[in-house]
Amino acid sequence: MTIQILLADDHPASLAGASMILNNAARGRLHVAACVDGTDALLLALQQRPFDLVVTDFFMPGGGRPMAWS
């Protein structure tokens, strides 16, 4: 079983670091999708696939708060 994770952060270094840590630790058991703003993350969450976990920056362009409440 693959765990689906959505990461959203407007700081590219934070996003890349979190993605790398998760992918390296999971050894293929995770699929990590990454977005740089709340609007893209929300669209991806609603359109593409069900995610088991969403990790979002609460204060970013496009807003992390709308994702938290969706």
N, C-alpha and C. Protein backbone atom coordinates (compact mmCIF):
# COMPACT_ATOMS: atom_id res chain seq x y z
N MET A 1 0.84 -1.19 0.00
CA MET A 1 0.00 0.00 0.00
C MET A 1 0.88 1.25 0.00
N THR A 2 0.57 2.15 -0.90
CA THR A 2 1.31 3.41 -0.99
C THR A 2 0.51 4.50 -0.28
N ILE A 3 1.19 5.23 0.58
CA ILE A 3 0.57 6.34 1.29
C ILE A 3 0.72 7.60 0.44
N GLN A 4 -0.38 8.30 0.22
CA GLN A 4 -0.41 9.50 -0.61
C GLN A 4 -0.29 10.73 0.29
N ILE A 5 0.75 11.55 0.06
CA ILE A 5 0.98 12.75 0.86
C ILE A 5 1.04 13.97 -0.05
N LEU A 6 0.36 15.02 0.37
CA LEU A 6 0.40 16.31 -0.33
C LEU A 6 1.13 17.31 0.55
N LEU A 7 2.21 17.89 0.03
CA LEU A 7 2.95 18.94 0.72
C LEU A 7 2.70 20.26 0.02
N ALA A 8 2.47 21.32 0.79
CA ALA A 8 2.27 22.65 0.22
C ALA A 8 3.05 23.66 1.06
N ASP A 9 3.96 24.36 0.40
CA ASP A 9 4.77 25.38 1.08
C ASP A 9 5.30 26.35 0.03
N ASP A 10 5.27 27.65 0.34
CA ASP A 10 5.75 28.64 -0.61
C ASP A 10 7.25 28.86 -0.54
N HIS A 11 7.95 28.16 0.34
CA HIS A 11 9.41 28.24 0.42
C HIS A 11 9.99 27.00 -0.26
N PRO A 12 10.57 27.17 -1.44
CA PRO A 12 11.06 26.02 -2.21
C PRO A 12 12.05 25.14 -1.45
N ALA A 13 12.92 25.74 -0.64
CA ALA A 13 13.90 24.93 0.10
C ALA A 13 13.20 24.04 1.13
N SER A 14 12.20 24.57 1.81
CA SER A 14 11.45 23.77 2.79
C SER A 14 10.70 22.64 2.10
N LEU A 15 10.09 22.96 0.98
CA LEU A 15 9.33 21.97 0.22
C LEU A 15 10.24 20.85 -0.29
N ALA A 16 11.37 21.23 -0.85
CA ALA A 16 12.32 20.25 -1.37
C ALA A 16 12.89 19.39 -0.24
N GLY A 17 13.22 20.02 0.87
CA GLY A 17 13.78 19.27 2.00
C GLY A 17 12.79 18.28 2.57
N ALA A 18 11.55 18.70 2.78
CA ALA A 18 10.53 17.80 3.32
C ALA A 18 10.27 16.65 2.35
N SER A 19 10.19 16.96 1.07
CA SER A 19 9.96 15.91 0.06
C SER A 19 11.10 14.89 0.08
N MET A 20 12.33 15.38 0.13
CA MET A 20 13.49 14.50 0.13
C MET A 20 13.52 13.60 1.36
N ILE A 21 13.26 14.18 2.52
CA ILE A 21 13.26 13.39 3.76
C ILE A 21 12.19 12.30 3.71
N LEU A 22 11.00 12.67 3.29
CA LEU A 22 9.91 11.68 3.21
C LEU A 22 10.21 10.58 2.20
N ASN A 23 10.67 10.97 1.03
CA ASN A 23 10.95 9.97 -0.01
C ASN A 23 12.09 9.04 0.38
N ASN A 24 13.12 9.58 1.01
CA ASN A 24 14.25 8.74 1.42
C ASN A 24 13.87 7.80 2.56
N ALA A 25 13.08 8.26 3.48
CA ALA A 25 12.70 7.45 4.63
C ALA A 25 11.69 6.36 4.27
N ALA A 26 10.89 6.61 3.28
CA ALA A 26 9.76 5.72 2.98
C ALA A 26 10.14 4.52 2.13
N ARG A 27 11.22 4.59 1.41
CA ARG A 27 11.67 3.49 0.55
C ARG A 27 10.57 2.99 -0.38
N GLY A 28 9.92 3.93 -1.06
CA GLY A 28 8.91 3.57 -2.05
C GLY A 28 7.51 3.36 -1.53
N ARG A 29 7.30 3.51 -0.23
CA ARG A 29 5.96 3.30 0.32
C ARG A 29 5.13 4.57 0.33
N LEU A 30 5.72 5.69 -0.09
CA LEU A 30 5.01 6.97 -0.12
C LEU A 30 5.01 7.54 -1.52
N HIS A 31 3.94 8.23 -1.84
CA HIS A 31 3.92 9.08 -3.03
C HIS A 31 3.73 10.50 -2.51
N VAL A 32 4.70 11.37 -2.79
CA VAL A 32 4.66 12.74 -2.29
C VAL A 32 4.41 13.68 -3.47
N ALA A 33 3.32 14.44 -3.40
CA ALA A 33 3.02 15.49 -4.37
C ALA A 33 3.33 16.81 -3.68
N ALA A 34 3.93 17.74 -4.40
CA ALA A 34 4.34 19.02 -3.81
C ALA A 34 3.78 20.19 -4.61
N CYS A 35 3.33 21.23 -3.90
CA CYS A 35 2.79 22.45 -4.50
C CYS A 35 3.39 23.66 -3.80
N VAL A 36 3.55 24.76 -4.57
CA VAL A 36 4.17 25.96 -4.00
C VAL A 36 3.17 27.02 -3.56
N ASP A 37 1.87 26.76 -3.72
CA ASP A 37 0.89 27.70 -3.17
C ASP A 37 -0.40 26.96 -2.85
N GLY A 38 -1.22 27.60 -2.04
CA GLY A 38 -2.44 26.97 -1.57
C GLY A 38 -3.46 26.69 -2.65
N THR A 39 -3.52 27.57 -3.65
CA THR A 39 -4.49 27.38 -4.73
C THR A 39 -4.19 26.10 -5.50
N ASP A 40 -2.92 25.92 -5.89
CA ASP A 40 -2.54 24.70 -6.62
C ASP A 40 -2.75 23.45 -5.76
N ALA A 41 -2.42 23.56 -4.49
CA ALA A 41 -2.57 22.41 -3.59
C ALA A 41 -4.04 22.03 -3.44
N LEU A 42 -4.89 23.01 -3.29
CA LEU A 42 -6.31 22.73 -3.15
C LEU A 42 -6.88 22.11 -4.42
N LEU A 43 -6.51 22.64 -5.57
CA LEU A 43 -6.96 22.05 -6.84
C LEU A 43 -6.48 20.62 -6.99
N LEU A 44 -5.23 20.39 -6.65
CA LEU A 44 -4.68 19.03 -6.75
C LEU A 44 -5.42 18.09 -5.80
N ALA A 45 -5.66 18.54 -4.59
CA ALA A 45 -6.36 17.71 -3.61
C ALA A 45 -7.77 17.37 -4.06
N LEU A 46 -8.43 18.30 -4.70
CA LEU A 46 -9.81 18.09 -5.13
C LEU A 46 -9.93 17.31 -6.43
N GLN A 47 -8.93 17.42 -7.31
CA GLN A 47 -9.06 16.86 -8.65
C GLN A 47 -8.28 15.57 -8.88
N GLN A 48 -7.09 15.48 -8.33
CA GLN A 48 -6.22 14.40 -8.78
C GLN A 48 -6.43 13.08 -8.06
N ARG A 49 -6.31 13.07 -6.76
CA ARG A 49 -6.37 11.80 -6.03
C ARG A 49 -6.70 12.04 -4.58
N PRO A 50 -7.15 11.01 -3.90
CA PRO A 50 -7.33 11.17 -2.45
C PRO A 50 -5.97 11.10 -1.77
N PHE A 51 -5.75 12.01 -0.84
CA PHE A 51 -4.50 12.03 -0.09
C PHE A 51 -4.75 11.53 1.32
N ASP A 52 -3.82 10.74 1.83
CA ASP A 52 -3.91 10.23 3.19
C ASP A 52 -3.49 11.29 4.20
N LEU A 53 -2.59 12.18 3.77
CA LEU A 53 -2.06 13.21 4.66
C LEU A 53 -1.78 14.47 3.85
N VAL A 54 -2.18 15.61 4.38
CA VAL A 54 -1.87 16.91 3.77
C VAL A 54 -1.08 17.71 4.80
N VAL A 55 0.11 18.17 4.38
CA VAL A 55 0.96 19.01 5.22
C VAL A 55 1.08 20.34 4.51
N THR A 56 0.60 21.40 5.15
CA THR A 56 0.57 22.70 4.49
C THR A 56 1.10 23.81 5.38
N ASP A 57 1.74 24.76 4.75
CA ASP A 57 2.11 26.01 5.39
C ASP A 57 0.79 26.78 5.58
N PHE A 58 0.49 27.19 6.77
CA PHE A 58 -0.78 27.84 7.05
C PHE A 58 -0.84 29.25 6.46
N PHE A 59 0.29 29.94 6.38
CA PHE A 59 0.35 31.31 5.86
C PHE A 59 1.22 31.32 4.61
N MET A 60 0.57 31.29 3.44
CA MET A 60 1.30 31.33 2.18
C MET A 60 0.38 31.89 1.09
N PRO A 61 0.96 32.32 -0.04
CA PRO A 61 0.14 32.80 -1.14
C PRO A 61 -0.87 31.74 -1.57
N GLY A 62 -2.06 32.15 -1.79
CA GLY A 62 -3.12 31.21 -2.13
C GLY A 62 -3.75 30.60 -0.91
N GLY A 63 -3.10 30.78 0.22
CA GLY A 63 -3.65 30.38 1.52
C GLY A 63 -3.57 28.92 1.86
N GLY A 64 -3.03 28.63 3.01
CA GLY A 64 -3.07 27.28 3.55
C GLY A 64 -4.33 27.05 4.35
N ARG A 65 -4.91 28.16 4.85
CA ARG A 65 -6.12 28.03 5.66
C ARG A 65 -7.30 27.44 4.90
N PRO A 66 -7.56 27.84 3.65
CA PRO A 66 -8.69 27.21 2.94
C PRO A 66 -8.52 25.69 2.79
N MET A 67 -7.28 25.24 2.62
CA MET A 67 -7.04 23.80 2.53
C MET A 67 -7.35 23.11 3.84
N ALA A 68 -6.99 23.74 4.93
CA ALA A 68 -7.21 23.14 6.24
C ALA A 68 -8.71 22.98 6.53
N TRP A 69 -9.52 23.84 5.98
CA TRP A 69 -10.94 23.81 6.23
C TRP A 69 -11.74 23.04 5.18
N SER A 70 -11.06 22.57 4.12
CA SER A 70 -11.76 21.86 3.02
C SER A 70 -11.89 20.38 3.32
